[in-house]
């Protein structure tokens, strides 16, 4: 198994810092799995961002996104909080299937988790 850490900032576990969150330096259909934790709220245009995740994911590949539904502003820029309906709409926008969305009401950030599979 090969892992690749991507972020807009250099740091621990970041293999490739990207300057544009909507254009990653990978060919189409590169990854089997994308896990995005606590990133969505920092992306100015989530619809362009989810399109890029879909592009680099292989057919049958899976995406798992964790983002807050509540909480104070942190680590600027901090644009969004997302609810289950919003997470589902975002995943549906680009064609993900087998979508499952959950909301952890007990966590301080109200983590909203979304799963989808590329057809």
Protein backbone atom coordinates (compact mmCIF):
# COMPACT_ATOMS: atom_id res chain seq x y z
CA UNK A 1 0.00 0.00 0.00
CA UNK A 2 1.30 3.42 -0.93
CA UNK A 3 0.20 6.60 0.87
CA UNK A 4 0.43 10.20 -0.29
CA UNK A 5 -0.20 13.20 1.96
CA UNK A 6 -1.42 16.35 0.21
CA UNK A 7 -1.89 19.79 1.77
CA UNK A 8 -1.62 23.45 0.85
CA UNK A 9 1.06 23.83 3.55
CA UNK A 10 4.30 21.95 4.03
CA UNK A 11 4.46 19.91 7.20
CA UNK A 12 4.61 16.51 8.82
CA UNK A 13 3.08 13.79 6.63
CA UNK A 14 2.78 16.19 3.66
CA UNK A 15 4.40 14.57 0.65
CA UNK A 16 3.09 17.04 -1.90
CA UNK A 17 2.18 20.61 -1.06
CA UNK A 18 -0.28 21.92 -3.66
CA UNK A 19 -0.67 25.59 -4.48
CA UNK A 20 -4.09 25.19 -6.03
CA UNK A 21 -6.67 23.08 -4.13
CA UNK A 22 -8.68 22.72 -7.36
CA UNK A 23 -5.87 21.37 -9.55
CA UNK A 24 -3.74 18.57 -8.17
CA UNK A 25 -0.55 17.37 -9.89
CA UNK A 26 -1.90 13.89 -10.63
CA UNK A 27 -3.28 12.14 -13.67
CA UNK A 28 -6.95 11.18 -13.83
CA UNK A 29 -7.84 7.96 -12.00
CA UNK A 30 -4.77 7.86 -9.76
CA UNK A 31 -6.09 6.95 -6.28
CA UNK A 32 -8.09 4.04 -4.85
CA UNK A 33 -9.05 5.95 -1.70
CA UNK A 34 -9.11 9.59 -0.65
CA UNK A 35 -9.50 10.54 2.99
CA UNK A 36 -10.03 14.21 3.67
CA UNK A 37 -10.06 15.20 7.31
CA UNK A 38 -10.86 18.71 8.47
CA UNK A 39 -10.14 20.27 5.07
CA UNK A 40 -13.48 21.11 3.50
CA UNK A 41 -14.12 24.09 5.78
CA UNK A 42 -10.91 25.70 4.49
CA UNK A 43 -11.73 25.35 0.78
CA UNK A 44 -13.21 28.47 -0.81
CA UNK A 45 -15.13 26.63 -3.52
CA UNK A 46 -16.12 23.14 -2.33
CA UNK A 47 -17.80 22.31 -5.65
CA UNK A 48 -14.57 22.78 -7.61
CA UNK A 49 -12.67 20.90 -4.89
CA UNK A 50 -14.98 17.84 -4.92
CA UNK A 51 -14.72 17.75 -8.71
CA UNK A 52 -10.93 17.46 -8.41
CA UNK A 53 -11.22 14.64 -5.85
CA UNK A 54 -13.54 12.81 -8.24
CA UNK A 55 -11.13 13.33 -11.15
CA UNK A 56 -8.11 11.78 -9.42
CA UNK A 57 -10.07 8.88 -7.92
CA UNK A 58 -10.08 5.59 -9.82
CA UNK A 59 -13.31 4.00 -11.02
CA UNK A 60 -14.69 2.09 -8.02
CA UNK A 61 -12.53 4.25 -5.72
CA UNK A 62 -13.87 5.63 -2.49
CA UNK A 63 -13.82 9.01 -0.78
CA UNK A 64 -14.28 9.72 2.93
CA UNK A 65 -14.67 13.33 4.04
CA UNK A 66 -14.81 14.61 7.62
CA UNK A 67 -15.74 18.26 8.22
CA UNK A 68 -17.27 20.25 11.08
CA UNK A 69 -20.95 21.15 11.25
CA UNK A 70 -20.33 23.59 14.11
CA UNK A 71 -17.55 25.25 16.08
CA UNK A 72 -15.65 28.51 16.23
CA UNK A 73 -13.67 29.97 13.37
CA UNK A 74 -10.11 28.64 13.29
CA UNK A 75 -7.02 28.47 11.08
CA UNK A 76 -7.94 31.13 8.49
CA UNK A 77 -9.32 30.90 5.97
CA UNK A 78 -12.28 29.12 7.53
CA UNK A 79 -15.28 29.34 5.19
CA UNK A 80 -17.83 26.65 5.98
CA UNK A 81 -19.65 24.37 8.32
CA UNK A 82 -21.45 21.50 6.62
CA UNK A 83 -24.59 19.60 7.52
CA UNK A 84 -25.59 16.14 6.28
CA UNK A 85 -27.79 17.44 3.46
CA UNK A 86 -24.95 19.66 2.25
CA UNK A 87 -22.44 16.80 2.37
CA UNK A 88 -24.82 14.59 0.40
CA UNK A 89 -25.44 17.32 -2.19
CA UNK A 90 -21.69 17.87 -2.58
CA UNK A 91 -21.02 14.18 -3.19
CA UNK A 92 -23.99 13.85 -5.55
CA UNK A 93 -22.90 16.92 -7.54
CA UNK A 94 -20.05 15.04 -9.21
CA UNK A 95 -21.66 11.60 -9.41
CA UNK A 96 -20.56 9.69 -6.33
CA UNK A 97 -22.74 6.66 -5.58
CA UNK A 98 -23.44 4.54 -2.48
CA UNK A 99 -23.38 7.76 -0.47
CA UNK A 100 -23.53 7.50 3.30
CA UNK A 101 -23.52 10.59 5.53
CA UNK A 102 -23.39 10.72 9.32
CA UNK A 103 -23.35 13.46 11.93
CA UNK A 104 -21.67 13.14 15.32
CA UNK A 105 -23.77 15.42 17.51
CA UNK A 106 -21.66 14.58 20.58
CA UNK A 107 -18.32 15.80 19.23
CA UNK A 108 -17.34 19.43 19.92
CA UNK A 109 -17.16 20.13 16.18
CA UNK A 110 -20.26 18.12 15.24
CA UNK A 111 -18.26 16.12 12.72
CA UNK A 112 -20.16 15.46 9.52
CA UNK A 113 -18.77 12.46 7.65
CA UNK A 114 -19.47 11.64 4.04
CA UNK A 115 -18.63 8.50 2.07
CA UNK A 116 -19.04 7.91 -1.65
CA UNK A 117 -17.87 5.59 -4.39
CA UNK A 118 -16.93 6.62 -7.91
CA UNK A 119 -18.91 4.70 -10.49
